[in-house]
N, C-alpha and C. Protein backbone atom coordinates (compact mmCIF):
# COMPACT_ATOMS: atom_id res chain seq x y z
N MET A 1 -37.90 13.92 54.97
CA MET A 1 -38.16 15.35 55.13
C MET A 1 -36.97 16.14 54.55
N SER A 2 -37.26 17.16 53.79
CA SER A 2 -36.19 17.98 53.22
C SER A 2 -35.67 18.94 54.29
N ASP A 3 -34.46 19.41 54.05
CA ASP A 3 -33.86 20.35 54.99
C ASP A 3 -34.53 21.71 54.89
N ASP A 4 -34.66 22.36 56.03
CA ASP A 4 -35.13 23.73 56.11
C ASP A 4 -33.92 24.62 56.37
N THR A 5 -34.09 25.91 56.14
CA THR A 5 -33.00 26.85 56.36
C THR A 5 -33.26 27.65 57.62
N PHE A 6 -32.19 27.85 58.39
CA PHE A 6 -32.24 28.59 59.65
C PHE A 6 -31.05 29.54 59.68
N ILE A 7 -31.21 30.61 60.44
CA ILE A 7 -30.09 31.52 60.68
C ILE A 7 -29.93 31.66 62.18
N TYR A 8 -28.69 31.63 62.63
CA TYR A 8 -28.47 32.07 64.00
C TYR A 8 -27.49 33.21 64.00
N LEU A 9 -27.86 34.21 64.77
CA LEU A 9 -27.04 35.40 64.96
C LEU A 9 -26.24 35.19 66.23
N ILE A 10 -24.96 35.44 66.17
CA ILE A 10 -24.13 35.31 67.36
C ILE A 10 -23.55 36.68 67.71
N ARG A 11 -23.62 36.98 69.00
CA ARG A 11 -23.15 38.29 69.48
C ARG A 11 -22.15 38.09 70.62
N PRO A 12 -20.96 38.65 70.45
CA PRO A 12 -19.96 38.56 71.52
C PRO A 12 -20.18 39.65 72.56
N ARG A 13 -19.44 39.53 73.63
CA ARG A 13 -19.47 40.60 74.64
C ARG A 13 -18.89 41.87 74.03
N VAL A 14 -19.21 43.01 74.61
CA VAL A 14 -18.68 44.29 74.15
C VAL A 14 -17.16 44.27 74.27
N GLY A 15 -16.49 44.72 73.23
CA GLY A 15 -15.04 44.80 73.22
C GLY A 15 -14.32 43.49 72.96
N PHE A 16 -15.06 42.47 72.56
CA PHE A 16 -14.48 41.14 72.38
C PHE A 16 -13.30 41.13 71.42
N ILE A 17 -13.44 41.77 70.29
CA ILE A 17 -12.39 41.74 69.25
C ILE A 17 -11.08 42.31 69.78
N ASP A 18 -11.16 43.36 70.57
CA ASP A 18 -9.94 44.03 71.05
C ASP A 18 -9.37 43.43 72.32
N SER A 19 -10.13 42.56 72.99
CA SER A 19 -9.64 42.05 74.28
C SER A 19 -9.83 40.55 74.43
N MET A 20 -9.82 39.82 73.32
CA MET A 20 -9.99 38.38 73.34
C MET A 20 -8.84 37.73 74.12
N THR A 21 -9.19 36.84 75.05
CA THR A 21 -8.18 36.11 75.80
C THR A 21 -7.65 34.95 74.96
N ALA A 22 -6.55 34.35 75.40
CA ALA A 22 -5.99 33.19 74.70
C ALA A 22 -7.00 32.03 74.71
N GLU A 23 -7.70 31.85 75.81
CA GLU A 23 -8.71 30.79 75.89
C GLU A 23 -9.86 31.06 74.92
N GLU A 24 -10.29 32.31 74.84
CA GLU A 24 -11.35 32.67 73.89
C GLU A 24 -10.88 32.47 72.45
N ALA A 25 -9.63 32.81 72.16
CA ALA A 25 -9.09 32.62 70.80
C ALA A 25 -9.08 31.14 70.44
N ASP A 26 -8.73 30.28 71.40
CA ASP A 26 -8.76 28.84 71.16
C ASP A 26 -10.18 28.36 70.88
N THR A 27 -11.13 28.87 71.64
CA THR A 27 -12.53 28.51 71.42
C THR A 27 -13.00 28.98 70.06
N MET A 28 -12.58 30.16 69.64
CA MET A 28 -12.97 30.66 68.33
C MET A 28 -12.35 29.82 67.21
N ASP A 29 -11.16 29.29 67.42
CA ASP A 29 -10.58 28.36 66.44
C ASP A 29 -11.45 27.11 66.33
N ARG A 30 -11.93 26.59 67.47
CA ARG A 30 -12.80 25.42 67.45
C ARG A 30 -14.15 25.76 66.81
N HIS A 31 -14.64 26.97 67.04
CA HIS A 31 -15.87 27.46 66.41
C HIS A 31 -15.72 27.41 64.88
N PHE A 32 -14.59 27.92 64.38
CA PHE A 32 -14.35 27.94 62.94
C PHE A 32 -14.26 26.52 62.38
N ALA A 33 -13.56 25.63 63.09
CA ALA A 33 -13.45 24.23 62.65
C ALA A 33 -14.82 23.55 62.65
N TYR A 34 -15.66 23.87 63.64
CA TYR A 34 -17.02 23.32 63.70
C TYR A 34 -17.82 23.74 62.47
N LEU A 35 -17.73 25.02 62.11
CA LEU A 35 -18.45 25.51 60.94
C LEU A 35 -17.90 24.89 59.66
N GLN A 36 -16.59 24.69 59.59
CA GLN A 36 -16.00 24.01 58.42
C GLN A 36 -16.54 22.58 58.30
N ALA A 37 -16.69 21.90 59.43
CA ALA A 37 -17.22 20.53 59.40
C ALA A 37 -18.67 20.54 58.92
N LEU A 38 -19.46 21.52 59.36
CA LEU A 38 -20.84 21.62 58.88
C LEU A 38 -20.86 21.90 57.38
N GLN A 39 -19.93 22.71 56.93
CA GLN A 39 -19.85 23.00 55.49
C GLN A 39 -19.52 21.73 54.72
N ALA A 40 -18.60 20.93 55.21
CA ALA A 40 -18.22 19.68 54.54
C ALA A 40 -19.39 18.71 54.47
N GLU A 41 -20.31 18.80 55.44
CA GLU A 41 -21.51 17.96 55.47
C GLU A 41 -22.67 18.58 54.68
N ASN A 42 -22.42 19.72 54.03
CA ASN A 42 -23.44 20.47 53.28
C ASN A 42 -24.58 20.93 54.19
N ARG A 43 -24.26 21.22 55.43
CA ARG A 43 -25.27 21.71 56.37
C ARG A 43 -25.12 23.21 56.60
N LEU A 44 -24.05 23.80 56.08
CA LEU A 44 -23.79 25.23 56.26
C LEU A 44 -23.94 25.91 54.91
N ALA A 45 -24.81 26.92 54.84
CA ALA A 45 -24.98 27.69 53.61
C ALA A 45 -24.04 28.89 53.58
N LEU A 46 -23.81 29.51 54.74
CA LEU A 46 -23.00 30.73 54.81
C LEU A 46 -22.69 31.02 56.26
N ALA A 47 -21.54 31.58 56.52
CA ALA A 47 -21.19 32.03 57.87
C ALA A 47 -20.17 33.14 57.77
N GLY A 48 -20.23 34.07 58.71
CA GLY A 48 -19.22 35.13 58.76
C GLY A 48 -19.57 36.19 59.77
N PRO A 49 -18.55 36.97 60.15
CA PRO A 49 -18.74 38.04 61.13
C PRO A 49 -18.86 39.41 60.47
N CYS A 50 -19.48 40.33 61.17
CA CYS A 50 -19.39 41.74 60.81
C CYS A 50 -17.98 42.19 61.16
N LEU A 51 -17.39 43.02 60.34
CA LEU A 51 -16.02 43.43 60.58
C LEU A 51 -15.88 44.36 61.78
N ASP A 52 -16.98 44.95 62.24
CA ASP A 52 -16.90 45.78 63.45
C ASP A 52 -17.09 44.96 64.72
N GLY A 53 -17.27 43.64 64.57
CA GLY A 53 -17.40 42.76 65.73
C GLY A 53 -18.75 42.77 66.40
N ALA A 54 -19.73 43.43 65.80
CA ALA A 54 -21.05 43.54 66.42
C ALA A 54 -21.78 42.20 66.50
N PHE A 55 -21.70 41.42 65.44
CA PHE A 55 -22.36 40.12 65.42
C PHE A 55 -21.84 39.31 64.25
N GLY A 56 -22.18 38.02 64.25
CA GLY A 56 -21.89 37.13 63.14
C GLY A 56 -23.17 36.42 62.75
N VAL A 57 -23.16 35.81 61.58
CA VAL A 57 -24.32 35.04 61.11
C VAL A 57 -23.87 33.65 60.69
N VAL A 58 -24.75 32.70 60.94
CA VAL A 58 -24.56 31.34 60.49
C VAL A 58 -25.88 30.90 59.87
N ILE A 59 -25.85 30.55 58.59
CA ILE A 59 -27.05 30.08 57.90
C ILE A 59 -26.89 28.57 57.69
N LEU A 60 -27.84 27.83 58.24
CA LEU A 60 -27.79 26.37 58.29
C LEU A 60 -28.87 25.72 57.47
N ARG A 61 -28.60 24.49 57.10
CA ARG A 61 -29.64 23.59 56.58
C ARG A 61 -29.85 22.54 57.66
N ALA A 62 -31.07 22.41 58.14
CA ALA A 62 -31.37 21.47 59.22
C ALA A 62 -32.68 20.76 58.92
N GLN A 63 -32.85 19.58 59.49
CA GLN A 63 -34.04 18.77 59.23
C GLN A 63 -35.24 19.19 60.05
N SER A 64 -35.01 19.94 61.14
CA SER A 64 -36.11 20.36 62.00
C SER A 64 -35.64 21.50 62.89
N ASP A 65 -36.60 22.11 63.59
CA ASP A 65 -36.24 23.14 64.56
C ASP A 65 -35.28 22.58 65.60
N GLU A 66 -35.57 21.37 66.07
CA GLU A 66 -34.73 20.75 67.11
C GLU A 66 -33.31 20.50 66.58
N ASP A 67 -33.21 20.03 65.36
CA ASP A 67 -31.91 19.80 64.74
C ASP A 67 -31.13 21.11 64.66
N ALA A 68 -31.78 22.17 64.22
CA ALA A 68 -31.13 23.48 64.11
C ALA A 68 -30.69 23.98 65.49
N ARG A 69 -31.55 23.82 66.50
CA ARG A 69 -31.18 24.24 67.86
C ARG A 69 -29.97 23.46 68.36
N ASP A 70 -29.94 22.15 68.06
CA ASP A 70 -28.80 21.33 68.47
C ASP A 70 -27.52 21.78 67.78
N LEU A 71 -27.60 22.06 66.48
CA LEU A 71 -26.42 22.54 65.76
C LEU A 71 -25.91 23.84 66.36
N MET A 72 -26.81 24.76 66.67
CA MET A 72 -26.42 26.03 67.26
C MET A 72 -25.84 25.82 68.66
N ALA A 73 -26.51 25.01 69.47
CA ALA A 73 -26.07 24.79 70.85
C ALA A 73 -24.71 24.09 70.92
N ASN A 74 -24.37 23.31 69.90
CA ASN A 74 -23.09 22.60 69.89
C ASN A 74 -21.95 23.41 69.28
N ASP A 75 -22.24 24.61 68.82
CA ASP A 75 -21.19 25.50 68.35
C ASP A 75 -20.29 25.79 69.57
N PRO A 76 -18.99 25.54 69.47
CA PRO A 76 -18.11 25.75 70.63
C PRO A 76 -18.17 27.15 71.22
N ALA A 77 -18.34 28.17 70.40
CA ALA A 77 -18.41 29.54 70.93
C ALA A 77 -19.69 29.77 71.72
N VAL A 78 -20.77 29.15 71.29
CA VAL A 78 -22.05 29.25 72.01
C VAL A 78 -21.98 28.41 73.28
N ARG A 79 -21.48 27.19 73.15
CA ARG A 79 -21.39 26.29 74.30
C ARG A 79 -20.52 26.88 75.41
N ALA A 80 -19.45 27.58 75.03
CA ALA A 80 -18.54 28.18 76.02
C ALA A 80 -19.08 29.49 76.59
N GLY A 81 -20.17 29.99 76.03
CA GLY A 81 -20.73 31.25 76.52
C GLY A 81 -20.02 32.48 75.99
N ILE A 82 -19.11 32.31 75.05
CA ILE A 82 -18.42 33.45 74.46
C ILE A 82 -19.36 34.24 73.56
N MET A 83 -20.27 33.52 72.90
CA MET A 83 -21.24 34.15 72.01
C MET A 83 -22.65 33.82 72.48
N GLN A 84 -23.51 34.82 72.46
CA GLN A 84 -24.93 34.62 72.70
C GLN A 84 -25.57 34.42 71.33
N ALA A 85 -26.48 33.47 71.23
CA ALA A 85 -27.03 33.13 69.91
C ALA A 85 -28.56 33.17 69.91
N ASP A 86 -29.11 33.60 68.79
CA ASP A 86 -30.55 33.63 68.55
C ASP A 86 -30.82 32.91 67.25
N LEU A 87 -31.74 31.93 67.29
CA LEU A 87 -32.06 31.11 66.13
C LEU A 87 -33.39 31.54 65.52
N HIS A 88 -33.43 31.57 64.19
CA HIS A 88 -34.64 31.93 63.46
C HIS A 88 -34.75 31.07 62.21
N ARG A 89 -35.97 30.74 61.82
CA ARG A 89 -36.17 30.15 60.49
C ARG A 89 -35.80 31.23 59.49
N PHE A 90 -35.30 30.83 58.33
CA PHE A 90 -34.77 31.80 57.38
C PHE A 90 -35.08 31.34 55.97
N LYS A 91 -35.32 32.27 55.09
CA LYS A 91 -35.55 31.96 53.69
C LYS A 91 -34.51 32.70 52.87
N ILE A 92 -33.75 31.96 52.09
CA ILE A 92 -32.80 32.58 51.17
C ILE A 92 -33.59 32.92 49.91
N SER A 93 -33.83 34.20 49.69
CA SER A 93 -34.62 34.63 48.53
C SER A 93 -33.74 34.82 47.30
N LEU A 94 -32.52 35.27 47.52
CA LEU A 94 -31.56 35.46 46.43
C LEU A 94 -30.20 34.96 46.89
N SER A 95 -29.48 34.39 45.96
CA SER A 95 -28.16 33.86 46.32
C SER A 95 -27.19 34.15 45.19
């Protein structure tokens, strides 16, 4: 089966950027390392935050809905509850 594309939107609590705790900063470092590992495995198409801190996006390549949900659920920021995440199938029309 070929990989499908998914997007998950991650949303922090209000004021997160200006009031991040040391523990949250450590979790965000692990979040970034997790995304780098997915990129090295060619499972990450794109990731990044809005500069106003409203939300971030992660575009994945996954083999199934379940695979994509597992990748999202294992994101350290999602697992720690720092970010709320919503997963959607996604089509990259232009790149």
